[in-house]
Amino acid sequence: MKRMILALVAMVLSVAAVSAQNYMVVDSEKVFKSIAAYNEALSEIETLSATYQKQVDDKFAAVETLYNNYMAQRASLSQSARQAKENEILSKESEATKFQESLFGTDGELMKKRMELIQPIQQRVFNAIERIATQYGYDLVIDISANPTILYYSSKVDFTQKIINALR
């Protein structure tokens, strides 16, 4: 009996605590898309990515050409010549893979450029969100663009436009 009463009291207190939370909702995707510098940075990153991808494709195409030439000549090559060609192909493939990683890897040039261009804009947005949340006394900010499981929210708690206005 005591356990049931304690469980009921704990439930009531937790519901009261949750309902006392003061929160606001922001659509960060909409905020970011409203910033011209962000859209320009994305465009620059896409262009750079396409350029890098062409360079990587060219390197792998060269490896494929080398391999096709080797397969056409393989029957007429000595064992040592075959081994040398195979080692050359493997070496070129390894170089191409390393080159691809240097451009597209987690520490690659594209990621560095993305951090250089996007991170300052993200910081501005996050600072504006924090400033607005503090100004209006909110304890919690929910990003509705990143959480598709939210089924309903009141427009009274949607501060997306205030964030966009604060960034202008």
C-alpha atoms as a PDB file:
ATOM      1  CA  MET A   1       0.000   0.000   0.000  1.00  0.00           C
ATOM      2  CA  LYS A   2       2.812   2.380   0.928  1.00  0.00           C
ATOM      3  CA  ARG A   3       4.562   1.581  -2.361  1.00  0.00           C
ATOM      4  CA  MET A   4       1.470   2.419  -4.368  1.00  0.00           C
ATOM      5  CA  ILE A   5       1.065   5.749  -2.580  1.00  0.00           C
ATOM      6  CA  LEU A   6       4.760   6.576  -3.050  1.00  0.00           C
ATOM      7  CA  ALA A   7       4.544   5.645  -6.750  1.00  0.00           C
ATOM      8  CA  LEU A   8       1.440   7.813  -7.161  1.00  0.00           C
ATOM      9  CA  VAL A   9       3.095  10.767  -5.414  1.00  0.00           C
ATOM     10  CA  ALA A  10       6.227  10.352  -7.578  1.00  0.00           C
ATOM     11  CA  MET A  11       4.097  10.299 -10.724  1.00  0.00           C
ATOM     12  CA  VAL A  12       2.188  13.419  -9.718  1.00  0.00           C
ATOM     13  CA  LEU A  13       5.426  15.262  -8.902  1.00  0.00           C
ATOM     14  CA  SER A  14       7.063  14.256 -12.190  1.00  0.00           C
ATOM     15  CA  VAL A  15       3.994  15.359 -14.186  1.00  0.00           C
ATOM     16  CA  ALA A  16       4.004  18.667 -12.321  1.00  0.00           C
ATOM     17  CA  ALA A  17       7.706  19.131 -13.008  1.00  0.00           C
ATOM     18  CA  VAL A  18       7.283  18.402 -16.724  1.00  0.00           C
ATOM     19  CA  SER A  19       4.300  20.704 -17.058  1.00  0.00           C
ATOM     20  CA  ALA A  20       6.270  23.468 -15.336  1.00  0.00           C
ATOM     21  CA  GLN A  21       8.934  23.297 -18.043  1.00  0.00           C
ATOM     22  CA  ASN A  22       9.048  26.402 -20.129  1.00  0.00           C
ATOM     23  CA  TYR A  23       9.965  25.593 -23.738  1.00  0.00           C
ATOM     24  CA  MET A  24      10.033  27.096 -27.192  1.00  0.00           C
ATOM     25  CA  VAL A  25      10.064  25.569 -30.663  1.00  0.00           C
ATOM     26  CA  VAL A  26      12.367  26.557 -33.526  1.00  0.00           C
ATOM     27  CA  ASP A  27      12.608  25.243 -37.087  1.00  0.00           C
ATOM     28  CA  SER A  28      16.379  25.528 -37.527  1.00  0.00           C
ATOM     29  CA  GLU A  29      16.224  24.458 -41.166  1.00  0.00           C
ATOM     30  CA  LYS A  30      13.953  27.409 -41.937  1.00  0.00           C
ATOM     31  CA  VAL A  31      16.246  29.722 -39.980  1.00  0.00           C
ATOM     32  CA  PHE A  32      19.358  28.572 -41.843  1.00  0.00           C
ATOM     33  CA  LYS A  33      17.641  28.796 -45.238  1.00  0.00           C
ATOM     34  CA  SER A  34      16.690  32.410 -44.464  1.00  0.00           C
ATOM     35  CA  ILE A  35      20.385  33.378 -44.229  1.00  0.00           C
ATOM     36  CA  ALA A  36      21.921  34.313 -47.589  1.00  0.00           C
ATOM     37  CA  ALA A  37      25.467  33.574 -46.394  1.00  0.00           C
ATOM     38  CA  TYR A  38      24.426  30.035 -45.449  1.00  0.00           C
ATOM     39  CA  ASN A  39      22.906  29.395 -48.875  1.00  0.00           C
ATOM     40  CA  GLU A  40      26.011  30.819 -50.563  1.00  0.00           C
ATOM     41  CA  ALA A  41      28.241  28.613 -48.401  1.00  0.00           C
ATOM     42  CA  LEU A  42      26.212  25.522 -49.316  1.00  0.00           C
ATOM     43  CA  SER A  43      26.476  26.426 -52.978  1.00  0.00           C
ATOM     44  CA  GLU A  44      30.244  26.881 -52.687  1.00  0.00           C
ATOM     45  CA  ILE A  45      30.566  23.541 -50.898  1.00  0.00           C
ATOM     46  CA  GLU A  46      28.496  21.787 -53.589  1.00  0.00           C
ATOM     47  CA  THR A  47      30.676  23.280 -56.337  1.00  0.00           C
ATOM     48  CA  LEU A  48      33.840  22.280 -54.513  1.00  0.00           C
ATOM     49  CA  SER A  49      32.445  18.788 -53.921  1.00  0.00           C
ATOM     50  CA  ALA A  50      31.703  18.366 -57.645  1.00  0.00           C
ATOM     51  CA  THR A  51      35.236  19.510 -58.520  1.00  0.00           C
ATOM     52  CA  TYR A  52      36.767  17.118 -56.003  1.00  0.00           C
ATOM     53  CA  GLN A  53      34.546  14.270 -57.211  1.00  0.00           C
ATOM     54  CA  LYS A  54      35.741  14.794 -60.790  1.00  0.00           C
ATOM     55  CA  GLN A  55      39.365  14.662 -59.633  1.00  0.00           C
ATOM     56  CA  VAL A  56      38.708  11.425 -57.728  1.00  0.00           C
ATOM     57  CA  ASP A  57      36.812   9.930 -60.669  1.00  0.00           C
ATOM     58  CA  ASP A  58      39.728  10.787 -62.981  1.00  0.00           C
ATOM     59  CA  LYS A  59      42.180   9.017 -60.682  1.00  0.00           C
ATOM     60  CA  PHE A  60      40.025   5.888 -60.491  1.00  0.00           C
ATOM     61  CA  ALA A  61      39.457   5.997 -64.274  1.00  0.00           C
ATOM     62  CA  ALA A  62      43.239   6.011 -64.742  1.00  0.00           C
ATOM     63  CA  VAL A  63      43.485   2.945 -62.494  1.00  0.00           C
ATOM     64  CA  GLU A  64      40.751   1.229 -64.488  1.00  0.00           C
ATOM     65  CA  THR A  65      42.522   2.019 -67.780  1.00  0.00           C
ATOM     66  CA  LEU A  66      45.756   0.655 -66.354  1.00  0.00           C
ATOM     67  CA  TYR A  67      43.937  -2.507 -65.262  1.00  0.00           C
ATOM     68  CA  ASN A  68      42.212  -2.975 -68.651  1.00  0.00           C
ATOM     69  CA  ASN A  69      45.533  -2.553 -70.472  1.00  0.00           C
ATOM     70  CA  TYR A  70      47.114  -5.070 -68.148  1.00  0.00           C
ATOM     71  CA  MET A  71      44.331  -7.605 -68.739  1.00  0.00           C
ATOM     72  CA  ALA A  72      44.729  -7.198 -72.522  1.00  0.00           C
ATOM     73  CA  GLN A  73      48.509  -7.766 -72.293  1.00  0.00           C
ATOM     74  CA  ARG A  74      48.547 -10.257 -69.431  1.00  0.00           C
ATOM     75  CA  ALA A  75      48.924 -13.398 -71.541  1.00  0.00           C
ATOM     76  CA  SER A  76      51.998 -12.041 -73.299  1.00  0.00           C
ATOM     77  CA  LEU A  77      53.772 -10.830 -70.146  1.00  0.00           C
ATOM     78  CA  SER A  78      56.312 -12.772 -68.124  1.00  0.00           C
ATOM     79  CA  GLN A  79      55.572 -13.635 -64.508  1.00  0.00           C
ATOM     80  CA  SER A  80      57.821 -10.836 -63.234  1.00  0.00           C
ATOM     81  CA  ALA A  81      56.282  -8.300 -65.642  1.00  0.00           C
ATOM     82  CA  ARG A  82      52.788  -9.376 -64.504  1.00  0.00           C
ATOM     83  CA  GLN A  83      53.773  -8.963 -60.873  1.00  0.00           C
ATOM     84  CA  ALA A  84      55.219  -5.511 -61.577  1.00  0.00           C
ATOM     85  CA  LYS A  85      52.038  -4.396 -63.413  1.00  0.00           C
ATOM     86  CA  GLU A  86      49.800  -5.768 -60.628  1.00  0.00           C
ATOM     87  CA  ASN A  87      51.863  -3.930 -58.006  1.00  0.00           C
ATOM     88  CA  GLU A  88      51.647  -0.738 -60.064  1.00  0.00           C
ATOM     89  CA  ILE A  89      47.855  -1.086 -60.337  1.00  0.00           C
ATOM     90  CA  LEU A  90      47.490  -1.736 -56.609  1.00  0.00           C
ATOM     91  CA  SER A  91      49.746   1.204 -55.821  1.00  0.00           C
ATOM     92  CA  LYS A  92      47.761   3.570 -58.090  1.00  0.00           C
ATOM     93  CA  GLU A  93      44.489   2.322 -56.595  1.00  0.00           C
ATOM     94  CA  SER A  94      45.830   2.915 -53.091  1.00  0.00           C
ATOM     95  CA  GLU A  95      46.931   6.436 -54.098  1.00  0.00           C
ATOM     96  CA  ALA A  96      43.466   7.149 -55.520  1.00  0.00           C
ATOM     97  CA  THR A  97      41.797   5.894 -52.340  1.00  0.00           C
ATOM     98  CA  LYS A  98      44.092   8.013 -50.162  1.00  0.00           C
ATOM     99  CA  PHE A  99      43.421  11.019 -52.385  1.00  0.00           C
ATOM    100  CA  GLN A 100      39.666  10.443 -52.062  1.00  0.00           C
ATOM    101  CA  GLU A 101      39.985  10.215 -48.278  1.00  0.00           C
ATOM    102  CA  SER A 102      42.070  13.415 -48.182  1.00  0.00           C
ATOM    103  CA  LEU A 103      39.231  15.247 -49.924  1.00  0.00           C
ATOM    104  CA  PHE A 104      36.072  13.588 -48.607  1.00  0.00           C
ATOM    105  CA  GLY A 105      37.160  11.986 -45.319  1.00  0.00           C
ATOM    106  CA  THR A 106      36.236  13.218 -41.862  1.00  0.00           C
ATOM    107  CA  ASP A 107      39.466  15.274 -41.783  1.00  0.00           C
ATOM    108  CA  GLY A 108      39.389  15.969 -45.524  1.00  0.00           C
ATOM    109  CA  GLU A 109      39.498  19.238 -47.398  1.00  0.00           C
ATOM    110  CA  LEU A 110      35.737  19.335 -47.976  1.00  0.00           C
ATOM    111  CA  MET A 111      34.998  18.919 -44.270  1.00  0.00           C
ATOM    112  CA  LYS A 112      37.531  21.628 -43.411  1.00  0.00           C
ATOM    113  CA  LYS A 113      35.938  23.997 -45.913  1.00  0.00           C
ATOM    114  CA  ARG A 114      32.482  23.147 -44.571  1.00  0.00           C
ATOM    115  CA  MET A 115      33.606  23.921 -41.029  1.00  0.00           C
ATOM    116  CA  GLU A 116      35.230  27.177 -42.184  1.00  0.00           C
ATOM    117  CA  LEU A 117      32.103  28.373 -43.998  1.00  0.00           C
ATOM    118  CA  ILE A 118      29.214  26.911 -41.989  1.00  0.00           C
ATOM    119  CA  GLN A 119      30.421  26.909 -38.386  1.00  0.00           C
ATOM    120  CA  PRO A 120      30.423  30.722 -37.928  1.00  0.00           C
ATOM    121  CA  ILE A 121      26.869  30.887 -39.274  1.00  0.00           C
ATOM    122  CA  GLN A 122      25.763  28.052 -36.995  1.00  0.00           C
ATOM    123  CA  GLN A 123      27.313  29.826 -34.035  1.00  0.00           C
ATOM    124  CA  ARG A 124      25.417  33.034 -34.888  1.00  0.00           C
ATOM    125  CA  VAL A 125      22.150  31.086 -35.088  1.00  0.00           C
ATOM    126  CA  PHE A 126      22.780  29.211 -31.843  1.00  0.00           C
ATOM    127  CA  ASN A 127      23.708  32.453 -30.081  1.00  0.00           C
ATOM    128  CA  ALA A 128      20.493  34.107 -31.339  1.00  0.00           C
ATOM    129  CA  ILE A 129      18.451  31.120 -30.152  1.00  0.00           C
ATOM    130  CA  GLU A 130      20.095  31.271 -26.735  1.00  0.00           C
ATOM    131  CA  ARG A 131      19.599  35.046 -26.524  1.00  0.00           C
ATOM    132  CA  ILE A 132      15.871  34.798 -27.407  1.00  0.00           C
ATOM    133  CA  ALA A 133      15.332  31.817 -25.076  1.00  0.00           C
ATOM    134  CA  THR A 134      16.984  33.699 -22.226  1.00  0.00           C
ATOM    135  CA  GLN A 135      15.125  36.923 -23.012  1.00  0.00           C
ATOM    136  CA  TYR A 136      11.731  35.189 -22.937  1.00  0.00           C
ATOM    137  CA  GLY A 137      12.607  32.915 -20.012  1.00  0.00           C
ATOM    138  CA  TYR A 138      12.577  29.553 -21.791  1.00  0.00           C
ATOM    139  CA  ASP A 139      14.386  26.579 -20.293  1.00  0.00           C
ATOM    140  CA  LEU A 140      14.246  24.282 -23.290  1.00  0.00           C
ATOM    141  CA  VAL A 141      14.463  24.769 -27.063  1.00  0.00           C
ATOM    142  CA  ILE A 142      13.074  22.071 -29.336  1.00  0.00           C
ATOM    143  CA  ASP A 143      14.196  21.952 -32.961  1.00  0.00           C
ATOM    144  CA  ILE A 144      11.215  20.759 -34.986  1.00  0.00           C
ATOM    145  CA  SER A 145      13.205  20.336 -38.198  1.00  0.00           C
ATOM    146  CA  ALA A 146      15.373  17.648 -36.621  1.00  0.00           C
ATOM    147  CA  ASN A 147      12.626  15.825 -34.732  1.00  0.00           C
ATOM    148  CA  PRO A 148       9.912  14.500 -37.018  1.00  0.00           C
ATOM    149  CA  THR A 149       8.221  12.703 -34.113  1.00  0.00           C
ATOM    150  CA  ILE A 150       6.611  15.860 -32.780  1.00  0.00           C
ATOM    151  CA  LEU A 151       2.956  15.434 -33.640  1.00  0.00           C
ATOM    152  CA  TYR A 152       1.667  18.777 -32.447  1.00  0.00           C
ATOM    153  CA  TYR A 153       2.908  22.051 -31.094  1.00  0.00           C
ATOM    154  CA  SER A 154       1.225  25.356 -30.515  1.00  0.00           C
ATOM    155  CA  SER A 155       2.306  28.229 -32.720  1.00  0.00           C
ATOM    156  CA  LYS A 156       2.568  30.270 -29.490  1.00  0.00           C
ATOM    157  CA  VAL A 157       5.826  28.447 -28.709  1.00  0.00           C
ATOM    158  CA  ASP A 158       7.255  28.645 -32.265  1.00  0.00           C
ATOM    159  CA  PHE A 159       9.967  31.288 -32.187  1.00  0.00           C
ATOM    160  CA  THR A 160      11.406  30.594 -35.643  1.00  0.00           C
ATOM    161  CA  GLN A 161      10.480  34.002 -37.049  1.00  0.00           C
ATOM    162  CA  LYS A 162      11.822  35.814 -33.966  1.00  0.00           C
ATOM    163  CA  ILE A 163      15.167  34.030 -34.468  1.00  0.00           C
ATOM    164  CA  ILE A 164      15.193  34.993 -38.167  1.00  0.00           C
ATOM    165  CA  ASN A 165      14.402  38.596 -37.274  1.00  0.00           C
ATOM    166  CA  ALA A 166      17.111  38.650 -34.603  1.00  0.00           C
ATOM    167  CA  LEU A 167      19.687  37.514 -37.150  1.00  0.00           C
ATOM    168  CA  ARG A 168      18.879  40.376 -39.558  1.00  0.00           C
END
